[in-house]
PDB file of N, CA and C in Angstrom:
ATOM      1  N   MET A   1      63.837  29.452 -43.907  1.00  0.00           N
ATOM      2  CA  MET A   1      64.725  28.289 -43.931  1.00  0.00           C
ATOM      3  C   MET A   1      64.575  27.517 -42.621  1.00  0.00           C
ATOM      4  N   SER A   2      64.436  26.206 -42.700  1.00  0.00           N
ATOM      5  CA  SER A   2      64.255  25.351 -41.531  1.00  0.00           C
ATOM      6  C   SER A   2      65.600  24.976 -40.924  1.00  0.00           C
ATOM      7  N   SER A   3      65.632  24.810 -39.594  1.00  0.00           N
ATOM      8  CA  SER A   3      66.857  24.369 -38.933  1.00  0.00           C
ATOM      9  C   SER A   3      66.892  22.851 -38.788  1.00  0.00           C
ATOM     10  N   ALA A   4      65.878  22.157 -39.312  1.00  0.00           N
ATOM     11  CA  ALA A   4      65.847  20.694 -39.237  1.00  0.00           C
ATOM     12  C   ALA A   4      66.911  20.117 -40.162  1.00  0.00           C
ATOM     13  N   PRO A   5      67.586  19.039 -39.720  1.00  0.00           N
ATOM     14  CA  PRO A   5      68.622  18.422 -40.543  1.00  0.00           C
ATOM     15  C   PRO A   5      68.012  17.728 -41.762  1.00  0.00           C
ATOM     16  N   PRO A   6      68.844  17.413 -42.762  1.00  0.00           N
ATOM     17  CA  PRO A   6      68.321  16.667 -43.906  1.00  0.00           C
ATOM     18  C   PRO A   6      67.649  15.389 -43.404  1.00  0.00           C
ATOM     19  N   GLY A   7      66.533  15.055 -43.940  1.00  0.00           N
ATOM     20  CA  GLY A   7      65.779  13.906 -43.465  1.00  0.00           C
ATOM     21  C   GLY A   7      64.518  14.336 -42.744  1.00  0.00           C
ATOM     22  N   GLY A   8      64.420  15.631 -42.400  1.00  0.00           N
ATOM     23  CA  GLY A   8      63.193  16.175 -41.856  1.00  0.00           C
ATOM     24  C   GLY A   8      62.962  15.999 -40.373  1.00  0.00           C
ATOM     25  N   GLY A   9      63.899  15.473 -39.611  1.00  0.00           N
ATOM     26  CA  GLY A   9      63.691  15.300 -38.173  1.00  0.00           C
ATOM     27  C   GLY A   9      63.902  16.586 -37.410  1.00  0.00           C
ATOM     28  N   TYR A  10      63.549  16.555 -36.135  1.00  0.00           N
ATOM     29  CA  TYR A  10      63.744  17.731 -35.297  1.00  0.00           C
ATOM     30  C   TYR A  10      64.678  17.445 -34.131  1.00  0.00           C
ATOM     31  N   GLY A  11      65.325  16.308 -34.131  1.00  0.00           N
ATOM     32  CA  GLY A  11      66.384  15.989 -33.181  1.00  0.00           C
ATOM     33  C   GLY A  11      66.080  16.270 -31.730  1.00  0.00           C
ATOM     34  N   VAL A  12      66.967  17.031 -31.097  1.00  0.00           N
ATOM     35  CA  VAL A  12      66.879  17.307 -29.664  1.00  0.00           C
ATOM     36  C   VAL A  12      65.587  18.039 -29.335  1.00  0.00           C
ATOM     37  N   MET A  13      65.172  18.950 -30.180  1.00  0.00           N
ATOM     38  CA  MET A  13      63.929  19.674 -29.929  1.00  0.00           C
ATOM     39  C   MET A  13      62.756  18.694 -29.816  1.00  0.00           C
ATOM     40  N   GLY A  14      62.696  17.717 -30.698  1.00  0.00           N
ATOM     41  CA  GLY A  14      61.633  16.716 -30.646  1.00  0.00           C
ATOM     42  C   GLY A  14      61.719  15.856 -29.405  1.00  0.00           C
ATOM     43  N   MET A  15      62.946  15.504 -29.008  1.00  0.00           N
ATOM     44  CA  MET A  15      63.114  14.706 -27.783  1.00  0.00           C
ATOM     45  C   MET A  15      62.628  15.485 -26.575  1.00  0.00           C
ATOM     46  N   ARG A  16      62.939  16.782 -26.517  1.00  0.00           N
ATOM     47  CA  ARG A  16      62.486  17.603 -25.391  1.00  0.00           C
ATOM     48  C   ARG A  16      60.965  17.666 -25.340  1.00  0.00           C
ATOM     49  N   GLU A  17      60.339  17.876 -26.499  1.00  0.00           N
ATOM     50  CA  GLU A  17      58.885  17.948 -26.540  1.00  0.00           C
ATOM     51  C   GLU A  17      58.250  16.631 -26.096  1.00  0.00           C
ATOM     52  N   ARG A  18      58.801  15.517 -26.551  1.00  0.00           N
ATOM     53  CA  ARG A  18      58.259  14.212 -26.165  1.00  0.00           C
ATOM     54  C   ARG A  18      58.423  13.965 -24.671  1.00  0.00           C
ATOM     55  N   ALA A  19      59.583  14.322 -24.132  1.00  0.00           N
ATOM     56  CA  ALA A  19      59.806  14.150 -22.692  1.00  0.00           C
ATOM     57  C   ALA A  19      58.818  14.986 -21.894  1.00  0.00           C
ATOM     58  N   ARG A  20      58.630  16.253 -22.290  1.00  0.00           N
ATOM     59  CA  ARG A  20      57.691  17.122 -21.585  1.00  0.00           C
ATOM     60  C   ARG A  20      56.265  16.592 -21.658  1.00  0.00           C
ATOM     61  N   SER A  21      55.913  15.923 -22.750  1.00  0.00           N
ATOM     62  CA  SER A  21      54.542  15.445 -22.918  1.00  0.00           C
ATOM     63  C   SER A  21      54.158  14.403 -21.871  1.00  0.00           C
ATOM     64  N   VAL A  22      55.145  13.772 -21.233  1.00  0.00           N
ATOM     65  CA  VAL A  22      54.880  12.798 -20.166  1.00  0.00           C
ATOM     66  C   VAL A  22      55.484  13.255 -18.837  1.00  0.00           C
ATOM     67  N   SER A  23      55.646  14.582 -18.691  1.00  0.00           N
ATOM     68  CA  SER A  23      56.192  15.201 -17.472  1.00  0.00           C
ATOM     69  C   SER A  23      57.637  14.800 -17.208  1.00  0.00           C
ATOM     70  N   GLY A  24      58.396  14.570 -18.267  1.00  0.00           N
ATOM     71  CA  GLY A  24      59.810  14.236 -18.139  1.00  0.00           C
ATOM     72  C   GLY A  24      60.689  15.439 -18.433  1.00  0.00           C
ATOM     73  N   ARG A  25      61.996  15.196 -18.441  1.00  0.00           N
ATOM     74  CA  ARG A  25      62.965  16.261 -18.725  1.00  0.00           C
ATOM     75  C   ARG A  25      64.004  15.744 -19.707  1.00  0.00           C
ATOM     76  N   CYS A  26      64.549  16.654 -20.494  1.00  0.00           N
ATOM     77  CA  CYS A  26      65.601  16.306 -21.439  1.00  0.00           C
ATOM     78  C   CYS A  26      66.613  17.436 -21.469  1.00  0.00           C
ATOM     79  N   HIS A  27      67.877  17.098 -21.289  1.00  0.00           N
ATOM     80  CA  HIS A  27      68.962  18.079 -21.333  1.00  0.00           C
ATOM     81  C   HIS A  27      69.968  17.622 -22.376  1.00  0.00           C
ATOM     82  N   ALA A  28      70.435  18.545 -23.185  1.00  0.00           N
ATOM     83  CA  ALA A  28      71.457  18.225 -24.178  1.00  0.00           C
ATOM     84  C   ALA A  28      72.484  19.348 -24.206  1.00  0.00           C
ATOM     85  N   GLY A  29      73.737  18.965 -24.335  1.00  0.00           N
ATOM     86  CA  GLY A  29      74.783  19.978 -24.405  1.00  0.00           C
ATOM     87  C   GLY A  29      76.162  19.366 -24.393  1.00  0.00           C
ATOM     88  N   PRO A  30      77.162  20.228 -24.472  1.00  0.00           N
ATOM     89  CA  PRO A  30      78.543  19.746 -24.490  1.00  0.00           C
ATOM     90  C   PRO A  30      78.952  19.156 -23.143  1.00  0.00           C
ATOM     91  N   ARG A  31      79.826  18.159 -23.209  1.00  0.00           N
ATOM     92  CA  ARG A  31      80.369  17.540 -21.995  1.00  0.00           C
ATOM     93  C   ARG A  31      81.630  18.276 -21.580  1.00  0.00           C
ATOM     94  N   ALA A  32      81.951  18.242 -20.308  1.00  0.00           N
ATOM     95  CA  ALA A  32      83.126  18.931 -19.785  1.00  0.00           C
ATOM     96  C   ALA A  32      84.415  18.433 -20.442  1.00  0.00           C
ATOM     97  N   ARG A  33      84.490  17.139 -20.726  1.00  0.00           N
ATOM     98  CA  ARG A  33      85.712  16.566 -21.318  1.00  0.00           C
ATOM     99  C   ARG A  33      85.622  16.421 -22.831  1.00  0.00           C
ATOM    100  N   GLY A  34      84.700  17.126 -23.431  1.00  0.00           N
ATOM    101  CA  GLY A  34      84.531  17.063 -24.873  1.00  0.00           C
ATOM    102  C   GLY A  34      83.380  16.163 -25.259  1.00  0.00           C
ATOM    103  N   GLY A  35      82.904  16.340 -26.444  1.00  0.00           N
ATOM    104  CA  GLY A  35      81.776  15.561 -26.918  1.00  0.00           C
ATOM    105  C   GLY A  35      80.464  16.227 -26.555  1.00  0.00           C
ATOM    106  N   PHE A  36      79.408  15.501 -26.733  1.00  0.00           N
ATOM    107  CA  PHE A  36      78.046  16.008 -26.542  1.00  0.00           C
ATOM    108  C   PHE A  36      77.232  14.910 -25.885  1.00  0.00           C
ATOM    109  N   GLU A  37      76.325  15.280 -24.991  1.00  0.00           N
ATOM    110  CA  GLU A  37      75.496  14.258 -24.363  1.00  0.00           C
ATOM    111  C   GLU A  37      74.041  14.698 -24.309  1.00  0.00           C
ATOM    112  N   VAL A  38      73.167  13.715 -24.321  1.00  0.00           N
ATOM    113  CA  VAL A  38      71.732  13.936 -24.170  1.00  0.00           C
ATOM    114  C   VAL A  38      71.286  13.072 -22.997  1.00  0.00           C
ATOM    115  N   VAL A  39      70.645  13.698 -22.007  1.00  0.00           N
ATOM    116  CA  VAL A  39      70.152  12.988 -20.837  1.00  0.00           C
ATOM    117  C   VAL A  39      68.651  13.228 -20.748  1.00  0.00           C
ATOM    118  N   THR A  40      67.895  12.149 -20.699  1.00  0.00           N
ATOM    119  CA  THR A  40      66.441  12.258 -20.621  1.00  0.00           C
ATOM    120  C   THR A  40      65.941  11.491 -19.414  1.00  0.00           C
ATOM    121  N   GLU A  41      65.065  12.117 -18.646  1.00  0.00           N
ATOM    122  CA  GLU A  41      64.446  11.483 -17.487  1.00  0.00           C
ATOM    123  C   GLU A  41      62.954  11.393 -17.757  1.00  0.00           C
ATOM    124  N   LEU A  42      62.417  10.176 -17.679  1.00  0.00           N
ATOM    125  CA  LEU A  42      60.996   9.951 -17.898  1.00  0.00           C
ATOM    126  C   LEU A  42      60.399   9.304 -16.666  1.00  0.00           C
ATOM    127  N   PRO A  43      59.244   9.767 -16.229  1.00  0.00           N
ATOM    128  CA  PRO A  43      58.628   9.199 -15.028  1.00  0.00           C
ATOM    129  C   PRO A  43      58.073   7.807 -15.294  1.00  0.00           C
ATOM    130  N   LEU A  44      58.248   6.910 -14.343  1.00  0.00           N
ATOM    131  CA  LEU A  44      57.710   5.563 -14.477  1.00  0.00           C
ATOM    132  C   LEU A  44      56.192   5.563 -14.491  1.00  0.00           C
ATOM    133  N   GLU A  45      55.562   6.528 -13.835  1.00  0.00           N
ATOM    134  CA  GLU A  45      54.114   6.574 -13.800  1.00  0.00           C
ATOM    135  C   GLU A  45      53.528   6.640 -15.204  1.00  0.00           C
ATOM    136  N   ALA A  46      54.154   7.367 -16.108  1.00  0.00           N
ATOM    137  CA  ALA A  46      53.653   7.485 -17.481  1.00  0.00           C
ATOM    138  C   ALA A  46      53.663   6.125 -18.164  1.00  0.00           C
ATOM    139  N   GLN A  47      54.714   5.365 -17.969  1.00  0.00           N
ATOM    140  CA  GLN A  47      54.798   4.034 -18.575  1.00  0.00           C
ATOM    141  C   GLN A  47      53.713   3.129 -18.005  1.00  0.00           C
ATOM    142  N   GLN A  48      53.516   3.189 -16.711  1.00  0.00           N
ATOM    143  CA  GLN A  48      52.501   2.347 -16.079  1.00  0.00           C
ATOM    144  C   GLN A  48      51.102   2.715 -16.564  1.00  0.00           C
ATOM    145  N   ARG A  49      50.821   4.019 -16.759  1.00  0.00           N
ATOM    146  CA  ARG A  49      49.519   4.446 -17.266  1.00  0.00           C
ATOM    147  C   ARG A  49      49.304   3.933 -18.678  1.00  0.00           C
ATOM    148  N   GLU A  50      50.349   4.015 -19.524  1.00  0.00           N
ATOM    149  CA  GLU A  50      50.238   3.540 -20.893  1.00  0.00           C
ATOM    150  C   GLU A  50      49.987   2.037 -20.954  1.00  0.00           C
ATOM    151  N   GLU A  51      50.675   1.272 -20.089  1.00  0.00           N
ATOM    152  CA  GLU A  51      50.491  -0.170 -20.073  1.00  0.00           C
ATOM    153  C   GLU A  51      49.075  -0.529 -19.618  1.00  0.00           C
ATOM    154  N   THR A  52      48.561   0.195 -18.646  1.00  0.00           N
ATOM    155  CA  THR A  52      47.209  -0.051 -18.155  1.00  0.00           C
ATOM    156  C   THR A  52      46.182   0.302 -19.237  1.00  0.00           C
ATOM    157  N   ALA A  53      46.386   1.390 -19.943  1.00  0.00           N
ATOM    158  CA  ALA A  53      45.456   1.817 -20.994  1.00  0.00           C
ATOM    159  C   ALA A  53      45.465   0.852 -22.171  1.00  0.00           C
ATOM    160  N   ALA A  54      46.590   0.194 -22.422  1.00  0.00           N
ATOM    161  CA  ALA A  54      46.702  -0.727 -23.550  1.00  0.00           C
ATOM    162  C   ALA A  54      45.966  -2.040 -23.289  1.00  0.00           C
ATOM    163  N   ARG A  55      45.636  -2.322 -22.044  1.00  0.00           N
ATOM    164  CA  ARG A  55      44.973  -3.592 -21.701  1.00  0.00           C
ATOM    165  C   ARG A  55      43.531  -3.603 -22.064  1.00  0.00           C
TER     166      ARG A  55
END
């Protein structure tokens, strides 16, 4: 049985994998005052490399 939600996505797991693929980080979890948050940090160097490669 898959843990993927209906619709076939992989949610936070997919976001973490994508962030790691460009040397970034992704954290997800409950907030101290309730709710849930996802924080992703992506390096600017990856964006600059992609823009240069697209030219």
